[in-house]
Amino acid sequence: MARHYNRGLRLPIVHLDHYSQLQGEISGLDQGTDDDYVTNVALIVPLDQSEFVEGTYQVEYHQSTVTIRLYKVRSAQHDPVFRIGKHVQFGASPELQGIPFSTFTDNRGEYPCFYAELIFPYRLKDWMTSSNDETTKITGVRSADKIQALAILNRLFGSPDYPADVRPLQYEDATAFLETYFKKGNPSPVFQLLTALASRNAFEESIIEYLGPSGLESVLKHVAEIAEEAQTRAIKSETDLLETVMLVITRVVKHHVEDRNWIEPFWDGSRKVRIDGKSVTVPARPKEEIRIQPTLHVLLHIMLYPLGIHVLRETDEGIGNLDFRCVYTTKDGTPISTSVEFKLAHHGRIKHGLTRQLPAYLRANQSKSGVFLVMWFKDHKGRFFKEPKHRTRSEMVEWLRETAKGIGQEQGVTIRTVMIDASIRPSASKL
């Protein structure tokens, strides 16, 4: 598996470093000496097919013999890191809510992948004694256990016993690993420690790859331009905030999805599956609304944060969960907000979302303005996606505009609508 890094691209987003999850009673690991234990360290090795040679190897290290098992994992069900971390929610970072744990693993949820399991005939416990001093806070946590594992792998890959050429692994090459502890002679694990994001740039690189680096570079350029413009016109009212949010959605998100064909984050790609022993191609399909929301949230956060606008996701308004609430404090200390409700164009309750949900959220927030954001997936000929069946794209745009206008006149609110076309379209060379 090739290594890809995006050095130099910096996101205006909360940084997250070195996440750990424990399983079992840690007190069971304090008893006895290091030699009473066996430590298994499992991690994905970023090797290409030509570099990977499955098998069991042994390496002499610090007067001990470490056994290394290299094997292929073909599904999430058999992925040791994913099995432990799949329910993880990075609650300390609100813009990450709903993004799957696989985003922060080294294979990004893609299979097959290559694993290394290192079996140490003693207890590795650097993480139990790591200091939390000011130096650690500045430099970040560097796992000595992970360093040992990578050093041993490099010793194997550089030896005549390994029948393929592999360049030395670096600390950043492995960002998630699982340590499992056994008492010698007992096959049941005493304790497990999962560590993720174990390198300085792992978090940002995961988010960049999740959204797509080529699109993000252009997005950040547009964000910088809008932020520079914003210096000349302050946000003083809810109307100003609404216009700023609309400017960002239309000029950045809509532009990049429609004009630059940045649609990959919103589709599940076609894939091959086996049904009754036969290989069947499952066509590409739009992601479900609940799986697109986290992507939109990260994008809106990246774009609005430099303007001093905070994007809260799925806030409980007492009558249900609003998709996004954009919050800003004016220079005179007045808090203002505008609501954003998101729906797929083919959603069966899109009318309810526009005519009932969003107006109700506005009343709950004592707000007079909001955005109804719709994503469209049906291509012109209906070849890749056919819904909604009873409206064309232009008909949907007109219906949204006229319906929102009617609600505004009836209830004394301002609802702006925007539809983003994320349909699969032919490349410009084939038009």
Protein backbone atom coordinates (compact mmCIF):
# COMPACT_ATOMS: atom_id res chain seq x y z
CA MET A 1 0.00 0.00 0.00
CA ALA A 2 1.60 3.23 -1.15
CA ARG A 3 2.30 6.04 1.30
CA HIS A 4 0.69 9.40 0.57
CA TYR A 5 1.27 12.55 2.57
CA ASN A 6 0.11 16.11 2.04
CA ARG A 7 2.78 18.23 3.68
CA GLY A 8 2.24 21.98 3.58
CA LEU A 9 -1.57 21.91 3.39
CA ARG A 10 -2.88 23.29 6.68
CA LEU A 11 -6.51 23.26 7.72
CA PRO A 12 -8.15 25.85 10.00
CA ILE A 13 -9.54 23.06 12.14
CA VAL A 14 -9.17 21.76 15.67
CA HIS A 15 -5.99 19.68 15.98
CA LEU A 16 -6.21 16.25 17.57
CA ASP A 17 -3.20 14.22 18.58
CA HIS A 18 -2.54 10.77 20.05
CA TYR A 19 -5.84 9.09 20.87
CA SER A 20 -5.90 6.00 23.13
CA GLN A 21 -8.59 3.46 24.00
CA LEU A 22 -8.28 0.83 26.70
CA GLN A 23 -9.89 -2.60 27.03
CA GLY A 24 -9.61 -4.63 30.22
CA GLU A 25 -8.42 -3.80 33.72
CA ILE A 26 -5.18 -1.86 33.71
CA SER A 27 -4.48 -3.05 37.26
CA GLY A 28 -3.89 -6.54 35.86
CA LEU A 29 -0.85 -5.21 34.03
CA ASP A 30 0.94 -3.89 37.14
CA GLN A 31 1.68 -7.26 38.65
CA GLY A 32 4.91 -9.19 38.28
CA THR A 33 7.96 -8.40 36.17
CA ASP A 34 8.30 -7.58 32.47
CA ASP A 35 9.43 -11.17 31.80
CA ASP A 36 6.08 -12.50 33.08
CA TYR A 37 4.31 -11.09 30.01
CA VAL A 38 4.08 -11.36 26.25
CA THR A 39 3.20 -8.22 24.25
CA ASN A 40 1.67 -8.42 20.77
CA VAL A 41 1.87 -5.24 18.69
CA ALA A 42 -0.35 -5.22 15.57
CA LEU A 43 -0.12 -2.46 12.97
CA ILE A 44 -0.73 -1.90 9.28
CA VAL A 45 2.47 -1.77 7.29
CA PRO A 46 2.32 0.61 4.29
CA LEU A 47 3.73 -1.82 1.76
CA ASP A 48 2.95 -2.30 -1.90
CA GLN A 49 2.10 -5.76 -3.21
CA SER A 50 5.63 -6.16 -4.55
CA GLU A 51 7.09 -5.39 -1.10
CA PHE A 52 4.86 -7.68 0.93
CA VAL A 53 5.88 -11.29 1.51
CA GLU A 54 3.52 -13.11 3.84
CA GLY A 55 5.10 -15.35 6.46
CA THR A 56 6.56 -15.70 9.94
CA TYR A 57 10.01 -14.28 10.70
CA GLN A 58 12.27 -13.82 13.70
CA VAL A 59 14.53 -10.89 14.59
CA GLU A 60 17.10 -10.70 17.38
CA TYR A 61 16.55 -7.50 19.35
CA HIS A 62 18.16 -6.48 22.68
CA GLN A 63 19.13 -10.05 23.59
CA SER A 64 15.60 -11.29 22.85
CA THR A 65 13.95 -12.95 19.87
CA VAL A 66 10.95 -11.10 18.50
CA THR A 67 8.61 -13.08 16.25
CA ILE A 68 7.02 -11.20 13.35
CA ARG A 69 3.99 -12.42 11.47
CA LEU A 70 3.15 -10.66 8.20
CA TYR A 71 -0.36 -11.37 6.93
CA LYS A 72 -3.08 -9.95 4.72
CA VAL A 73 -6.38 -8.67 6.14
CA ARG A 74 -9.23 -8.91 3.65
CA SER A 75 -12.13 -7.32 5.54
CA ALA A 76 -13.01 -5.05 8.47
CA GLN A 77 -14.30 -8.11 10.32
CA HIS A 78 -10.74 -9.44 10.59
CA ASP A 79 -9.00 -6.07 11.13
CA PRO A 80 -7.75 -6.02 14.77
CA VAL A 81 -7.40 -2.22 14.97
CA PHE A 82 -10.80 -1.54 13.39
CA ARG A 83 -12.59 -4.12 15.57
CA ILE A 84 -11.49 -2.27 18.71
CA GLY A 85 -11.88 1.30 17.41
CA LYS A 86 -14.93 1.13 15.16
CA HIS A 87 -17.27 2.67 17.75
CA VAL A 88 -14.89 5.51 18.64
CA GLN A 89 -16.33 9.03 18.53
CA PHE A 90 -13.85 11.89 18.76
CA GLY A 91 -16.19 13.92 20.96
CA ALA A 92 -13.51 16.43 21.95
CA SER A 93 -13.57 17.77 18.39
CA PRO A 94 -17.14 18.67 17.38
CA GLU A 95 -16.49 18.84 13.65
CA LEU A 96 -15.54 15.15 13.70
CA GLN A 97 -18.88 13.88 14.93
CA GLY A 98 -20.15 11.19 12.60
CA ILE A 99 -16.92 10.71 10.65
CA PRO A 100 -16.16 6.96 10.73
CA PHE A 101 -13.15 5.68 12.66
CA SER A 102 -11.83 4.12 9.45
CA THR A 103 -10.96 7.67 8.31
CA PHE A 104 -8.23 7.74 10.95
CA THR A 105 -6.75 4.31 10.27
CA ASP A 106 -3.80 3.76 7.97
CA ASN A 107 -5.77 1.80 5.36
CA ARG A 108 -8.70 4.32 5.47
CA GLY A 109 -11.15 1.40 5.49
CA GLU A 110 -9.79 -0.09 2.25
CA TYR A 111 -9.13 -3.82 1.99
CA PRO A 112 -7.13 -5.90 1.56
CA CYS A 113 -4.35 -4.36 3.64
CA PHE A 114 -1.10 -5.70 5.06
CA TYR A 115 -0.56 -6.28 8.76
CA ALA A 116 2.47 -6.95 10.91
CA GLU A 117 2.10 -8.63 14.28
CA LEU A 118 5.19 -8.44 16.47
CA ILE A 119 5.36 -10.82 19.45
CA PHE A 120 7.66 -9.56 22.21
CA PRO A 121 8.57 -12.09 24.94
CA TYR A 122 8.28 -9.37 27.58
CA ARG A 123 6.05 -6.46 28.65
CA LEU A 124 6.23 -3.23 26.67
CA LYS A 125 4.90 -0.44 28.85
CA ASP A 126 6.33 2.89 27.74
CA TRP A 127 2.84 4.42 27.68
CA MET A 128 2.35 3.56 31.38
CA THR A 129 5.32 5.68 32.46
CA SER A 130 5.29 8.50 29.85
CA SER A 131 5.58 11.87 31.52
CA ASN A 132 3.07 14.62 30.95
CA ASP A 133 5.46 17.52 31.33
CA GLU A 134 5.70 20.74 29.32
CA THR A 135 8.05 19.19 26.77
CA THR A 136 5.51 16.49 25.98
CA LYS A 137 2.82 19.12 25.55
CA ILE A 138 4.98 20.99 23.04
CA THR A 139 6.40 18.08 21.05
CA GLY A 140 3.49 15.66 21.32
CA VAL A 141 3.60 12.08 22.55
CA ARG A 142 6.10 9.82 20.80
CA SER A 143 5.52 6.16 21.59
CA ALA A 144 8.68 4.24 22.41
CA ASP A 145 6.69 1.03 21.92
CA LYS A 146 5.87 2.04 18.35
CA ILE A 147 9.48 3.08 17.74
CA GLN A 148 10.68 -0.36 18.87
CA ALA A 149 8.18 -2.10 16.60
CA LEU A 150 9.22 -0.03 13.56
CA ALA A 151 12.93 -0.49 14.31
CA ILE A 152 12.47 -4.27 14.41
CA LEU A 153 10.48 -4.25 11.16
CA ASN A 154 13.21 -2.18 9.50
CA ARG A 155 15.79 -4.69 10.74
CA LEU A 156 13.76 -7.49 9.14
CA PHE A 157 13.20 -5.64 5.86
CA GLY A 158 16.90 -4.82 5.61
CA SER A 159 18.09 -8.38 6.26
CA PRO A 160 18.78 -11.17 3.73
CA ASP A 161 15.96 -13.18 5.38
CA TYR A 162 13.35 -10.94 3.78
CA PRO A 163 12.96 -11.67 0.05
CA ALA A 164 11.87 -8.19 -1.13
CA ASP A 165 13.24 -4.65 -1.19
CA VAL A 166 11.52 -2.25 1.25
CA ARG A 167 12.63 1.25 2.04
CA PRO A 168 12.93 1.94 5.80
CA LEU A 169 9.70 2.77 7.59
CA GLN A 170 9.41 6.20 9.21
CA TYR A 171 7.57 7.13 12.41
CA GLU A 172 4.74 8.78 10.41
CA ASP A 173 4.17 5.65 8.32
CA ALA A 174 2.10 3.98 11.03
CA THR A 175 -0.42 6.05 12.96
CA ALA A 176 -2.63 3.38 14.56
CA PHE A 177 -1.50 0.27 16.42
CA LEU A 178 -2.86 -2.21 18.93
CA GLU A 179 -0.94 -3.58 21.91
CA THR A 180 -2.28 -6.79 23.48
CA TYR A 181 -0.83 -8.16 26.72
CA PHE A 182 -0.80 -11.81 27.85
CA LYS A 183 0.51 -13.52 30.95
CA LYS A 184 2.92 -16.21 29.82
CA GLY A 185 1.15 -19.56 29.67
CA ASN A 186 -2.32 -17.95 29.53
CA PRO A 187 -3.93 -17.55 26.06
CA SER A 188 -6.47 -15.00 27.30
CA PRO A 189 -5.42 -11.36 26.97
CA VAL A 190 -4.98 -9.37 30.17
CA PHE A 191 -5.25 -5.94 28.61
CA GLN A 192 -5.41 -4.13 25.24
CA LEU A 193 -4.39 -0.61 24.28
CA LEU A 194 -5.39 0.96 20.95
CA THR A 195 -3.44 4.04 19.92
CA ALA A 196 -4.50 6.18 16.95
CA LEU A 197 -3.25 9.43 15.38
CA ALA A 198 0.22 8.58 16.67
CA SER A 199 2.16 11.04 14.53
CA ARG A 200 2.25 14.81 14.35
CA ASN A 201 0.32 15.19 11.07
CA ALA A 202 -1.92 12.11 11.20
CA PHE A 203 -5.10 14.02 12.01
CA GLU A 204 -4.81 16.61 9.25
CA GLU A 205 -3.69 14.05 6.69
CA SER A 206 -6.70 11.86 7.52
CA ILE A 207 -9.14 14.75 7.06
CA ILE A 208 -7.43 15.92 3.86
CA GLU A 209 -7.61 12.42 2.37
CA TYR A 210 -11.22 12.04 3.56
CA LEU A 211 -12.27 15.19 1.71
CA GLY A 212 -9.84 14.92 -1.20
CA PRO A 213 -6.58 16.93 -1.30
CA SER A 214 -6.91 18.39 -4.81
CA GLY A 215 -10.22 20.04 -4.00
CA LEU A 216 -9.11 21.23 -0.58
CA GLU A 217 -6.16 23.21 -1.91
CA SER A 218 -8.50 25.26 -4.07
CA VAL A 219 -11.07 25.52 -1.26
CA LEU A 220 -8.53 26.97 1.13
CA LYS A 221 -7.44 29.48 -1.50
CA HIS A 222 -11.04 30.69 -1.87
CA VAL A 223 -11.47 30.77 1.90
CA ALA A 224 -8.41 33.01 2.23
CA GLU A 225 -9.83 35.37 -0.40
CA ILE A 226 -13.20 35.56 1.34
CA ALA A 227 -11.52 36.10 4.72
CA GLU A 228 -9.55 39.01 3.23
CA GLU A 229 -12.74 40.53 1.82
CA ALA A 230 -14.47 40.10 5.18
CA GLN A 231 -11.95 42.44 6.79
CA THR A 232 -13.55 45.31 4.87
CA ARG A 233 -17.14 44.53 5.79
CA ALA A 234 -17.95 43.52 9.35
CA ILE A 235 -20.83 41.21 10.23
CA LYS A 236 -23.18 43.44 12.22
CA SER A 237 -26.55 41.71 11.94
CA GLU A 238 -28.25 38.39 11.33
CA THR A 239 -28.83 39.48 7.74
CA ASP A 240 -25.07 40.03 7.29
CA LEU A 241 -24.40 36.60 8.77
CA LEU A 242 -26.92 34.95 6.44
CA GLU A 243 -25.33 36.59 3.41
CA THR A 244 -21.84 35.56 4.50
CA VAL A 245 -22.89 31.92 4.98
CA MET A 246 -24.62 31.95 1.60
CA LEU A 247 -21.55 33.49 -0.03
CA VAL A 248 -19.33 30.71 1.31
CA ILE A 249 -21.77 27.92 0.32
CA THR A 250 -22.30 29.20 -3.23
CA ARG A 251 -18.85 30.56 -3.99
CA VAL A 252 -16.85 27.74 -2.47
CA VAL A 253 -18.87 24.54 -1.94
CA LYS A 254 -21.25 24.85 -4.90
CA HIS A 255 -18.48 26.09 -7.19
CA HIS A 256 -16.12 23.23 -6.37
CA VAL A 257 -18.74 20.49 -6.54
CA GLU A 258 -20.37 21.71 -9.76
CA ASP A 259 -17.61 23.47 -11.69
CA ARG A 260 -14.63 21.45 -10.51
CA ASN A 261 -16.52 18.13 -10.30
CA TRP A 262 -15.53 17.59 -6.65
CA ILE A 263 -18.17 14.92 -6.00
CA GLU A 264 -16.19 11.96 -4.63
CA PRO A 265 -16.85 12.72 -0.92
CA PHE A 266 -20.61 12.40 -1.53
CA TRP A 267 -20.74 9.10 -3.43
CA ASP A 268 -20.14 5.48 -2.56
CA GLY A 269 -18.09 4.22 -5.50
CA SER A 270 -18.95 1.13 -7.50
CA ARG A 271 -17.54 -2.08 -6.07
CA LYS A 272 -17.48 -5.81 -6.71
CA VAL A 273 -19.15 -8.22 -4.30
CA ARG A 274 -19.71 -11.97 -4.39
CA ILE A 275 -23.30 -13.21 -4.37
CA ASP A 276 -23.91 -16.97 -4.53
CA GLY A 277 -20.30 -17.45 -5.57
CA LYS A 278 -20.53 -14.98 -8.49
CA SER A 279 -18.80 -11.60 -8.80
CA VAL A 280 -21.40 -8.82 -9.12
CA THR A 281 -20.70 -5.11 -9.67
CA VAL A 282 -22.67 -2.85 -7.35
CA PRO A 283 -23.07 0.55 -9.07
CA ALA A 284 -22.07 3.85 -7.52
CA ARG A 285 -24.73 5.39 -5.32
CA PRO A 286 -25.09 8.67 -3.39
CA LYS A 287 -24.21 8.40 0.27
CA GLU A 288 -27.03 8.60 2.76
CA GLU A 289 -27.82 11.97 4.30
CA ILE A 290 -26.43 10.97 7.68
CA ARG A 291 -23.07 10.10 6.04
CA ILE A 292 -22.86 13.35 4.06
CA GLN A 293 -23.59 15.60 7.05
CA PRO A 294 -20.16 15.10 8.69
CA THR A 295 -18.42 15.97 5.41
CA LEU A 296 -20.45 19.15 5.00
CA HIS A 297 -19.81 20.02 8.63
CA VAL A 298 -16.04 19.75 8.23
CA LEU A 299 -16.20 21.80 5.02
CA LEU A 300 -18.36 24.51 6.57
CA HIS A 301 -16.11 24.60 9.62
CA ILE A 302 -12.98 24.93 7.49
CA MET A 303 -14.56 27.75 5.47
CA LEU A 304 -16.37 29.72 8.19
CA TYR A 305 -13.94 29.38 11.09
CA PRO A 306 -11.47 31.92 9.61
CA LEU A 307 -14.36 34.41 9.53
CA GLY A 308 -15.06 33.93 13.23
CA ILE A 309 -18.21 31.87 12.55
CA HIS A 310 -18.63 28.65 14.53
CA VAL A 311 -20.58 25.80 12.97
CA LEU A 312 -22.48 23.61 15.42
CA ARG A 313 -23.81 20.31 14.12
CA GLU A 314 -27.13 18.65 14.98
CA THR A 315 -27.93 20.99 17.85
CA ASP A 316 -30.95 19.99 19.91
CA GLU A 317 -33.48 22.81 19.56
CA GLY A 318 -36.06 21.13 21.81
CA ILE A 319 -38.16 20.15 18.77
CA GLY A 320 -35.58 18.02 16.98
CA ASN A 321 -32.01 18.24 15.75
CA LEU A 322 -31.05 21.08 13.42
CA ASP A 323 -28.35 20.05 10.91
CA PHE A 324 -26.10 23.10 11.32
CA ARG A 325 -26.26 26.33 13.30
CA CYS A 326 -23.81 29.07 12.35
CA VAL A 327 -23.03 31.23 15.39
CA TYR A 328 -21.25 34.59 15.47
CA THR A 329 -20.60 37.29 18.08
CA THR A 330 -20.59 40.86 16.77
CA LYS A 331 -18.01 43.41 17.85
CA ASP A 332 -20.44 44.88 20.37
CA GLY A 333 -20.85 41.43 21.98
CA THR A 334 -24.24 40.49 20.49
CA PRO A 335 -24.61 36.75 19.72
CA ILE A 336 -26.37 36.04 16.42
CA SER A 337 -26.99 32.86 14.47
CA THR A 338 -28.43 31.50 11.25
CA SER A 339 -29.70 27.96 10.73
CA VAL A 340 -28.83 25.57 7.91
CA GLU A 341 -31.06 22.56 7.21
CA PHE A 342 -29.71 19.97 4.76
CA LYS A 343 -31.66 17.50 2.63
CA LEU A 344 -31.03 15.24 -0.34
CA ALA A 345 -33.14 16.18 -3.37
CA HIS A 346 -34.52 12.64 -3.52
CA HIS A 347 -35.44 12.56 0.18
CA GLY A 348 -39.08 11.58 0.64
CA ARG A 349 -39.70 14.36 3.21
CA ILE A 350 -37.91 17.23 1.52
CA LYS A 351 -41.11 19.32 1.51
CA HIS A 352 -41.56 18.73 5.23
CA GLY A 353 -37.97 19.84 5.83
CA LEU A 354 -38.48 23.13 4.03
CA THR A 355 -42.04 24.00 5.08
CA ARG A 356 -42.09 22.63 8.64
CA GLN A 357 -38.68 21.73 10.07
CA LEU A 358 -36.62 24.80 9.18
CA PRO A 359 -39.32 27.37 10.14
CA ALA A 360 -39.78 25.54 13.46
CA TYR A 361 -36.03 25.68 14.15
CA LEU A 362 -36.00 29.40 13.37
CA ARG A 363 -38.79 30.02 15.87
CA ALA A 364 -36.99 27.92 18.49
CA ASN A 365 -33.82 29.99 17.98
CA GLN A 366 -35.72 33.30 17.86
CA SER A 367 -34.14 33.75 14.46
CA LYS A 368 -35.50 35.31 11.30
CA SER A 369 -33.21 33.75 8.70
CA GLY A 370 -32.00 30.37 7.54
CA VAL A 371 -30.61 28.36 4.64
CA PHE A 372 -32.18 25.28 3.09
CA LEU A 373 -29.32 23.37 1.46
CA VAL A 374 -30.18 20.60 -1.00
CA MET A 375 -27.85 18.17 -2.79
CA TRP A 376 -28.88 16.83 -6.21
CA PHE A 377 -27.58 13.52 -7.66
CA LYS A 378 -29.72 12.69 -10.71
CA ASP A 379 -27.71 13.05 -13.92
CA HIS A 380 -29.24 14.41 -17.12
CA LYS A 381 -30.04 11.00 -18.66
CA GLY A 382 -30.65 9.15 -15.40
CA ARG A 383 -27.87 6.72 -16.23
CA PHE A 384 -26.16 6.76 -12.83
CA PHE A 385 -29.02 7.85 -10.57
CA LYS A 386 -32.71 8.34 -11.39
CA GLU A 387 -34.23 10.11 -8.38
CA PRO A 388 -36.25 12.21 -7.82
CA LYS A 389 -38.32 10.74 -10.63
CA HIS A 390 -40.90 13.51 -10.98
CA ARG A 391 -38.68 16.63 -11.13
CA THR A 392 -35.84 17.86 -13.31
CA ARG A 393 -33.00 19.84 -11.81
CA SER A 394 -34.40 23.19 -12.99
CA GLU A 395 -37.86 22.25 -11.70
CA MET A 396 -36.39 21.46 -8.29
CA VAL A 397 -34.54 24.80 -8.15
CA GLU A 398 -37.73 26.66 -9.05
CA TRP A 399 -39.83 24.72 -6.54
CA LEU A 400 -37.35 25.42 -3.75
CA ARG A 401 -37.22 29.13 -4.55
CA GLU A 402 -41.00 29.61 -4.81
CA THR A 403 -41.76 27.49 -1.73
CA ALA A 404 -39.23 29.39 0.39
CA LYS A 405 -40.62 32.71 -0.89
CA GLY A 406 -44.13 31.68 0.15
CA ILE A 407 -43.00 30.62 3.62
CA GLY A 408 -41.14 33.91 4.04
CA GLN A 409 -44.19 35.97 3.18
CA GLU A 410 -46.45 33.88 5.37
CA GLN A 411 -44.23 33.70 8.46
CA GLY A 412 -42.11 36.84 8.21
CA VAL A 413 -38.78 35.00 7.86
CA THR A 414 -36.04 34.91 5.25
CA ILE A 415 -35.18 31.47 3.90
CA ARG A 416 -32.50 31.27 1.24
CA THR A 417 -32.31 28.07 -0.80
CA VAL A 418 -29.31 26.65 -2.58
CA MET A 419 -29.06 23.40 -4.52
CA ILE A 420 -25.71 21.76 -5.21
CA ASP A 421 -25.51 19.42 -8.19
CA ALA A 422 -23.30 16.48 -7.19
CA SER A 423 -24.40 14.26 -10.08
CA ILE A 424 -21.93 12.23 -12.10
CA ARG A 425 -21.20 14.17 -15.28
CA PRO A 426 -19.03 13.51 -18.33
CA SER A 427 -15.61 15.13 -18.38
CA ALA A 428 -15.20 18.38 -20.32
CA SER A 429 -13.30 16.52 -23.07
CA LYS A 430 -16.41 14.40 -23.79
CA LEU A 431 -18.91 17.24 -23.91
